[in-house]
Amino acid sequence: MVPIFIISNRPFTGKNFFALGLALTLKDNGYSIGYIRPLGRIPIKKGDEIFDEEALFIKDMLELDDPLNIISPFVFTYETQYRLLNGEDLGIKEKVKEAFSKQNQKDFLIVVGPNNIFEGFSLGIDSISLIEETDGRVIAIQHWDSDLAMDDIFGIKKLTGNRFIGAVINKVPSEQFHYVKERVVPFMEGKGTKILGIFKKDKILESVTVRRLMEAINGGLVCCEDKLEEFVENLSIGAMDPETALSYFLRIPNKAVITGVHRTDIQIVAMETSTRCLILTGGMHVNETVTGIAKAKGIPIIVTALDTFSAVDRMEKLMGKAMIREKNKAIKAKEVVSNHFDLVEFIRRIKNE
């Protein structure tokens, strides 16, 4: 069994997306795959125990038979924090190491690290410690926001030494893709850092469902419950005159339009374009004509007591940071990895060590 640690030194770099895509691709190539998230941060209760929600989703997508406490051996919650600060020994490291040993019959064990490489250090389950103790191999993944992304990858390579296999550069804007591929990658590989994949920024992977937007703003649903799993790729604020709004809305696909509940003119115009939902602020009473059009077109209307600024602020924090918890995203993750990750070189580097 070879533990493959997917790590980065920043949150929201796409670790889960890549881990799932890599696991599905390896599985398609005949390898037996295990998965573990040693330090979970998104608690969900199953029976009397707490597990990591994303880990459970990935377990289902990979059709793994391993028990939940092997996939997700520890989740950090307020309760565990309280118990730890009171000096209680929760046996966290022992649980995590046992979870590794229970999967030693697999060809590859995909290990997803936390938000940064030092998280979990006080518990003895930080990525660097676990890599050393399990003789793991490392793939660093970093989203491309500037040339500083190279420093994160170089730093991880230095810290992990000969266990470092290579890196993935993720979420590269289309307009910068040529620069990264033709200038950045040769520069990094010239310094001995292999780049195994370059992935463009993908609207589907960064999108969120209408349901999750509704939850984020504590919204109430007026109609079209059956459309809550539709993906929203863009947010648009409707605060202009209807003529300007139409040309503006036509340029933005698959969007949520946020506007005041009294702006029926904007609401009607928005529904003539590619709109996934209307989010109405400042009141709870929706115009009946607007509701009728929305029902006919299958466009959910969500009302919230929040003001427009607060609603947009909450929703923007979700966009680009959405969790891999939908099957369509899992399929897309596999497609991206299969087409743009050098699996042959990855396998070669594992076997030649």
Protein backbone atom coordinates (compact mmCIF):
# COMPACT_ATOMS: atom_id res chain seq x y z
CA MET A 1 0.00 0.00 0.00
CA VAL A 2 1.30 3.44 -0.97
CA PRO A 3 -0.23 6.40 0.90
CA ILE A 4 -0.59 9.37 -1.47
CA PHE A 5 -0.96 12.61 0.48
CA ILE A 6 -2.77 15.43 -1.32
CA ILE A 7 -1.63 18.54 0.53
CA SER A 8 -1.39 22.31 0.21
CA ASN A 9 -0.58 25.21 2.44
CA ARG A 10 -3.79 27.14 1.82
CA PRO A 11 -7.51 26.36 1.98
CA PHE A 12 -9.75 25.94 -1.09
CA THR A 13 -7.02 24.78 -3.45
CA GLY A 14 -9.09 21.84 -4.70
CA LYS A 15 -7.67 18.97 -2.63
CA ASN A 16 -10.94 17.03 -2.44
CA PHE A 17 -11.73 17.60 -6.10
CA PHE A 18 -8.32 16.30 -7.13
CA ALA A 19 -8.32 13.42 -4.64
CA LEU A 20 -11.68 12.18 -5.89
CA GLY A 21 -10.71 12.59 -9.55
CA LEU A 22 -7.41 10.78 -9.02
CA ALA A 23 -9.03 7.95 -7.04
CA LEU A 24 -11.70 7.39 -9.70
CA THR A 25 -9.10 7.45 -12.47
CA LEU A 26 -6.82 4.97 -10.68
CA LYS A 27 -9.82 2.74 -10.01
CA ASP A 28 -10.71 2.76 -13.71
CA ASN A 29 -7.14 1.65 -14.42
CA GLY A 30 -7.54 -1.46 -12.27
CA TYR A 31 -5.96 -0.33 -9.01
CA SER A 32 -7.55 -0.93 -5.63
CA ILE A 33 -8.09 2.37 -3.85
CA GLY A 34 -8.50 3.43 -0.24
CA TYR A 35 -9.34 6.88 1.07
CA ILE A 36 -8.84 8.64 4.39
CA ARG A 37 -9.34 12.14 5.75
CA PRO A 38 -7.33 12.09 9.00
CA LEU A 39 -8.54 15.47 10.25
CA GLY A 40 -12.15 16.33 9.38
CA ARG A 41 -13.68 19.79 9.76
CA ILE A 42 -17.25 19.36 8.49
CA PRO A 43 -19.06 17.27 11.12
CA ILE A 44 -22.08 15.15 10.33
CA LYS A 45 -23.70 12.74 12.76
CA LYS A 46 -24.31 9.11 11.85
CA GLY A 47 -25.89 7.20 14.71
CA ASP A 48 -23.96 8.16 17.83
CA GLU A 49 -20.74 9.06 16.02
CA ILE A 50 -19.42 12.13 14.19
CA PHE A 51 -17.74 11.91 10.79
CA ASP A 52 -16.58 14.32 8.10
CA GLU A 53 -19.32 15.06 5.56
CA GLU A 54 -17.07 15.29 2.52
CA ALA A 55 -15.29 12.08 3.46
CA LEU A 56 -18.64 10.29 3.55
CA PHE A 57 -19.54 11.58 0.10
CA ILE A 58 -16.21 10.45 -1.35
CA LYS A 59 -16.62 7.04 0.30
CA ASP A 60 -19.96 6.64 -1.48
CA MET A 61 -18.60 7.84 -4.82
CA LEU A 62 -15.71 5.38 -4.63
CA GLU A 63 -18.06 2.59 -3.43
CA LEU A 64 -15.72 1.74 -0.57
CA ASP A 65 -16.64 -1.02 1.88
CA ASP A 66 -14.43 0.33 4.67
CA PRO A 67 -16.21 1.40 7.89
CA LEU A 68 -16.85 5.13 8.36
CA ASN A 69 -14.43 5.34 11.28
CA ILE A 70 -11.64 4.17 8.94
CA ILE A 71 -12.50 6.73 6.25
CA SER A 72 -12.96 9.55 8.78
CA PRO A 73 -11.20 8.62 12.05
CA PHE A 74 -11.32 12.08 13.66
CA VAL A 75 -13.40 15.26 13.24
CA PHE A 76 -12.55 18.44 15.09
CA THR A 77 -15.64 19.90 16.81
CA TYR A 78 -16.30 22.34 19.64
CA GLU A 79 -16.88 19.35 21.92
CA THR A 80 -13.53 17.74 21.10
CA GLN A 81 -11.81 21.11 21.49
CA TYR A 82 -13.34 21.51 24.96
CA ARG A 83 -12.32 17.99 25.99
CA LEU A 84 -8.79 18.42 24.69
CA LEU A 85 -8.28 21.75 26.45
CA ASN A 86 -9.43 20.10 29.66
CA GLY A 87 -6.59 17.63 29.31
CA GLU A 88 -8.60 14.60 28.23
CA ASP A 89 -6.69 12.06 26.16
CA LEU A 90 -8.89 11.18 23.18
CA GLY A 91 -6.41 8.78 21.60
CA ILE A 92 -6.60 10.72 18.33
CA LYS A 93 -3.25 9.74 16.90
CA GLU A 94 -3.85 6.08 17.72
CA LYS A 95 -7.22 6.15 15.93
CA VAL A 96 -5.70 7.75 12.85
CA LYS A 97 -2.76 5.33 12.68
CA GLU A 98 -5.13 2.39 13.09
CA ALA A 99 -7.23 3.73 10.20
CA PHE A 100 -4.10 3.70 8.02
CA SER A 101 -3.17 0.15 9.03
CA LYS A 102 -6.68 -1.16 8.30
CA GLN A 103 -6.26 -0.13 4.63
CA ASN A 104 -2.83 -1.61 3.99
CA GLN A 105 -4.19 -4.12 1.49
CA LYS A 106 -4.99 -1.40 -1.07
CA ASP A 107 -2.68 -0.46 -3.95
CA PHE A 108 -3.05 3.23 -3.18
CA LEU A 109 -4.40 5.04 -0.15
CA ILE A 110 -5.51 8.58 -1.04
CA VAL A 111 -4.99 10.86 1.95
CA VAL A 112 -6.50 14.37 1.94
CA GLY A 113 -4.65 16.84 4.11
CA PRO A 114 -6.28 19.70 6.07
CA ASN A 115 -6.23 23.41 5.17
CA ASN A 116 -2.48 23.71 5.66
CA ILE A 117 0.45 21.42 6.33
CA PHE A 118 0.74 22.33 10.02
CA GLU A 119 -2.92 21.96 10.97
CA GLY A 120 -3.26 19.14 13.48
CA PHE A 121 0.31 19.56 14.78
CA SER A 122 -0.83 19.83 18.41
CA LEU A 123 -2.67 16.51 17.96
CA GLY A 124 0.22 14.73 16.28
CA ILE A 125 -1.71 14.29 13.04
CA ASP A 126 -0.38 17.13 10.90
CA SER A 127 0.46 16.19 7.32
CA ILE A 128 4.25 16.33 7.71
CA SER A 129 4.22 13.99 10.72
CA LEU A 130 1.86 11.50 9.09
CA ILE A 131 3.82 11.47 5.83
CA GLU A 132 6.98 10.54 7.72
CA GLU A 133 5.33 7.93 9.94
CA THR A 134 3.47 6.17 7.12
CA ASP A 135 6.25 6.48 4.53
CA GLY A 136 3.77 8.35 2.36
CA ARG A 137 4.26 10.10 -0.97
CA VAL A 138 3.24 13.68 -1.65
CA ILE A 139 1.42 15.59 -4.35
CA ALA A 140 1.17 19.32 -3.68
CA ILE A 141 -1.82 21.12 -5.14
CA GLN A 142 -2.02 24.90 -5.38
CA HIS A 143 -4.52 27.20 -7.06
CA TRP A 144 -3.00 29.81 -9.34
CA ASP A 145 -3.65 33.31 -8.02
CA SER A 146 -0.18 34.77 -8.66
CA ASP A 147 3.45 33.79 -9.01
CA LEU A 148 3.47 33.30 -5.24
CA ALA A 149 1.76 29.96 -5.85
CA MET A 150 5.18 28.64 -6.88
CA ASP A 151 6.59 29.40 -3.44
CA ASP A 152 3.98 27.21 -1.73
CA ILE A 153 4.89 24.29 -3.99
CA PHE A 154 8.63 24.82 -3.62
CA GLY A 155 8.21 25.03 0.16
CA ILE A 156 6.23 21.79 0.37
CA LYS A 157 8.82 20.05 -1.80
CA LYS A 158 11.62 21.15 0.52
CA LEU A 159 9.73 20.07 3.66
CA THR A 160 8.80 16.64 2.30
CA GLY A 161 12.10 15.86 0.56
CA ASN A 162 12.34 12.62 -1.41
CA ARG A 163 8.72 11.77 -0.61
CA PHE A 164 7.61 14.55 -2.96
CA ILE A 165 6.28 13.14 -6.27
CA GLY A 166 5.14 16.30 -8.00
CA ALA A 167 2.61 19.10 -8.04
CA VAL A 168 -0.68 20.14 -9.58
CA ILE A 169 -1.50 23.75 -10.43
CA ASN A 170 -5.25 24.22 -10.17
CA LYS A 171 -7.85 26.90 -10.99
CA VAL A 172 -5.76 28.63 -13.64
CA PRO A 173 -7.78 31.43 -15.32
CA SER A 174 -8.09 30.86 -19.07
CA GLU A 175 -6.26 34.08 -19.89
CA GLN A 176 -3.23 32.95 -17.83
CA PHE A 177 -3.15 29.32 -18.90
CA HIS A 178 -0.63 29.81 -21.71
CA TYR A 179 1.67 31.78 -19.39
CA VAL A 180 1.55 29.08 -16.71
CA LYS A 181 2.07 26.24 -19.19
CA GLU A 182 4.79 27.85 -21.31
CA ARG A 183 6.69 29.91 -18.73
CA VAL A 184 5.92 28.82 -15.18
CA VAL A 185 6.03 25.03 -15.65
CA PRO A 186 9.42 24.97 -17.47
CA PHE A 187 10.84 27.28 -14.79
CA MET A 188 9.64 25.03 -11.96
CA GLU A 189 10.70 21.81 -13.63
CA GLY A 190 14.09 23.37 -14.29
CA LYS A 191 14.40 23.61 -10.52
CA GLY A 192 13.57 19.93 -10.09
CA THR A 193 9.85 20.26 -9.31
CA LYS A 194 7.73 18.07 -11.57
CA ILE A 195 4.31 19.48 -12.53
CA LEU A 196 1.97 16.54 -13.08
CA GLY A 197 -1.09 18.56 -14.06
CA ILE A 198 -2.37 22.03 -14.92
CA PHE A 199 -6.12 22.49 -14.51
CA LYS A 200 -8.08 25.45 -15.79
CA LYS A 201 -10.57 27.24 -13.59
CA ASP A 202 -13.87 25.43 -14.05
CA LYS A 203 -17.26 27.06 -13.55
CA ILE A 204 -19.00 23.77 -12.80
CA LEU A 205 -16.58 22.84 -10.02
CA GLU A 206 -16.81 26.32 -8.50
CA SER A 207 -20.58 26.54 -8.74
CA VAL A 208 -23.03 25.96 -5.88
CA THR A 209 -26.57 24.68 -5.85
CA VAL A 210 -29.58 26.93 -5.39
CA ARG A 211 -30.27 25.02 -2.17
CA ARG A 212 -26.88 25.94 -0.70
CA LEU A 213 -27.36 29.61 -1.55
CA MET A 214 -30.75 29.50 0.14
CA GLU A 215 -29.23 27.92 3.25
CA ALA A 216 -26.44 30.52 3.34
CA ILE A 217 -28.89 33.42 3.57
CA ASN A 218 -31.50 31.63 5.71
CA GLY A 219 -33.92 32.13 2.87
CA GLY A 220 -37.50 31.04 2.42
CA LEU A 221 -38.63 29.25 -0.74
CA VAL A 222 -41.61 30.65 -2.65
CA CYS A 223 -41.75 28.15 -5.53
CA CYS A 224 -40.00 25.46 -7.60
CA GLU A 225 -38.58 23.19 -4.92
CA ASP A 226 -37.71 20.64 -7.61
CA LYS A 227 -35.10 23.04 -9.04
CA LEU A 228 -33.06 23.53 -5.87
CA GLU A 229 -30.28 21.21 -7.05
CA GLU A 230 -29.57 23.35 -10.13
CA PHE A 231 -26.06 24.83 -10.21
CA VAL A 232 -25.46 28.57 -9.96
CA GLU A 233 -22.26 29.75 -11.63
CA ASN A 234 -22.60 33.52 -11.25
CA LEU A 235 -24.17 36.15 -9.01
CA SER A 236 -25.77 39.29 -10.45
CA ILE A 237 -27.19 42.24 -8.57
CA GLY A 238 -30.25 43.84 -10.15
CA ALA A 239 -30.05 47.50 -9.19
CA MET A 240 -30.28 49.25 -12.57
CA ASP A 241 -33.04 50.27 -14.97
CA PRO A 242 -34.74 47.44 -16.93
CA GLU A 243 -33.23 48.39 -20.31
CA THR A 244 -29.68 48.28 -18.96
CA ALA A 245 -30.48 45.17 -16.95
CA LEU A 246 -31.52 43.14 -20.00
CA SER A 247 -28.24 43.64 -21.88
CA TYR A 248 -26.34 42.98 -18.64
CA PHE A 249 -28.23 39.81 -17.75
CA LEU A 250 -27.91 38.41 -21.30
CA ARG A 251 -24.13 38.30 -20.89
CA ILE A 252 -24.18 36.24 -17.68
CA PRO A 253 -25.24 32.58 -17.86
CA ASN A 254 -26.60 30.32 -15.10
CA LYS A 255 -26.88 33.07 -12.55
CA ALA A 256 -28.66 33.96 -9.35
CA VAL A 257 -30.15 37.44 -9.55
CA ILE A 258 -30.28 39.34 -6.27
CA THR A 259 -32.61 42.33 -6.12
CA GLY A 260 -35.13 44.04 -3.88
CA VAL A 261 -38.52 42.38 -3.46
CA HIS A 262 -40.16 45.57 -4.80
CA ARG A 263 -38.16 45.52 -8.09
CA THR A 264 -40.69 43.52 -10.09
CA ASP A 265 -39.42 45.09 -13.32
CA ILE A 266 -35.92 43.68 -12.77
CA GLN A 267 -37.29 40.32 -11.68
CA ILE A 268 -39.34 39.89 -14.86
CA VAL A 269 -36.42 40.94 -17.10
CA ALA A 270 -34.06 38.54 -15.30
CA MET A 271 -36.37 35.59 -15.96
CA GLU A 272 -36.13 36.24 -19.70
CA THR A 273 -32.43 35.34 -19.52
CA SER A 274 -30.35 32.42 -18.20
CA THR A 275 -31.35 32.68 -14.54
CA ARG A 276 -31.21 29.80 -12.07
CA CYS A 277 -33.03 31.59 -9.25
CA LEU A 278 -34.24 34.94 -7.96
CA ILE A 279 -33.14 36.04 -4.51
CA LEU A 280 -35.33 38.85 -3.19
CA THR A 281 -34.24 41.00 -0.28
CA GLY A 282 -35.98 43.48 1.98
CA GLY A 283 -39.35 41.79 2.40
CA MET A 284 -41.32 38.57 2.23
CA HIS A 285 -44.28 39.33 -0.05
CA VAL A 286 -43.59 38.46 -3.69
CA ASN A 287 -45.62 39.90 -6.55
CA GLU A 288 -48.14 37.31 -7.80
CA THR A 289 -47.31 37.99 -11.46
CA VAL A 290 -43.62 37.36 -10.79
CA THR A 291 -44.46 34.14 -8.94
CA GLY A 292 -46.62 32.96 -11.84
CA ILE A 293 -43.85 33.55 -14.37
CA ALA A 294 -41.30 31.82 -12.13
CA LYS A 295 -43.50 28.75 -11.76
CA ALA A 296 -44.04 28.56 -15.52
CA LYS A 297 -40.31 28.83 -16.23
CA GLY A 298 -39.16 26.65 -13.33
CA ILE A 299 -37.13 29.39 -11.62
CA PRO A 300 -37.04 29.21 -7.80
CA ILE A 301 -37.77 32.39 -5.89
CA ILE A 302 -36.06 32.77 -2.52
CA VAL A 303 -36.89 35.56 -0.09
CA THR A 304 -34.66 36.71 2.74
CA ALA A 305 -34.88 39.26 5.51
CA LEU A 306 -31.24 40.20 4.85
CA ASP A 307 -30.37 43.36 2.98
CA THR A 308 -28.82 42.99 -0.47
CA PHE A 309 -25.26 43.69 0.68
CA SER A 310 -25.38 41.09 3.45
CA ALA A 311 -26.98 38.48 1.20
CA VAL A 312 -24.37 38.98 -1.52
CA ASP A 313 -21.55 38.87 1.02
CA ARG A 314 -22.70 35.48 2.34
CA MET A 315 -23.17 34.00 -1.11
CA GLU A 316 -19.86 35.27 -2.47
CA LYS A 317 -18.09 33.40 0.34
CA LEU A 318 -19.51 30.17 -1.09
CA MET A 319 -18.65 30.76 -4.74
CA GLY A 320 -15.36 29.15 -5.73
CA LYS A 321 -15.17 27.39 -2.36
CA ALA A 322 -17.94 24.89 -2.82
CA MET A 323 -17.48 21.40 -1.46
CA ILE A 324 -17.50 18.30 -3.63
CA ARG A 325 -20.84 16.92 -2.52
CA GLU A 326 -22.71 16.53 -5.80
CA LYS A 327 -22.40 13.64 -8.24
CA ASN A 328 -22.10 15.94 -11.28
CA LYS A 329 -19.03 17.56 -9.74
CA ALA A 330 -17.51 14.17 -9.02
CA ILE A 331 -17.94 13.16 -12.66
CA LYS A 332 -16.36 16.44 -13.75
CA ALA A 333 -13.44 15.95 -11.34
CA LYS A 334 -12.72 12.55 -12.87
CA GLU A 335 -12.92 13.98 -16.38
CA VAL A 336 -10.45 16.77 -15.57
CA VAL A 337 -7.93 14.44 -13.91
CA SER A 338 -8.22 11.78 -16.63
CA ASN A 339 -7.54 14.32 -19.36
CA HIS A 340 -5.03 16.69 -17.75
CA PHE A 341 -3.07 14.74 -15.15
CA ASP A 342 0.02 12.76 -16.17
CA LEU A 343 -1.00 9.40 -14.71
CA VAL A 344 1.75 7.52 -16.57
CA GLU A 345 4.46 9.73 -15.03
CA PHE A 346 2.78 9.48 -11.62
CA ILE A 347 2.88 5.67 -11.73
CA ARG A 348 6.43 5.68 -13.08
CA ARG A 349 7.64 7.87 -10.21
CA ILE A 350 5.98 5.60 -7.64
CA LYS A 351 7.45 2.40 -9.12
CA ASN A 352 10.96 3.77 -9.70
CA GLU A 353 11.52 4.86 -6.10
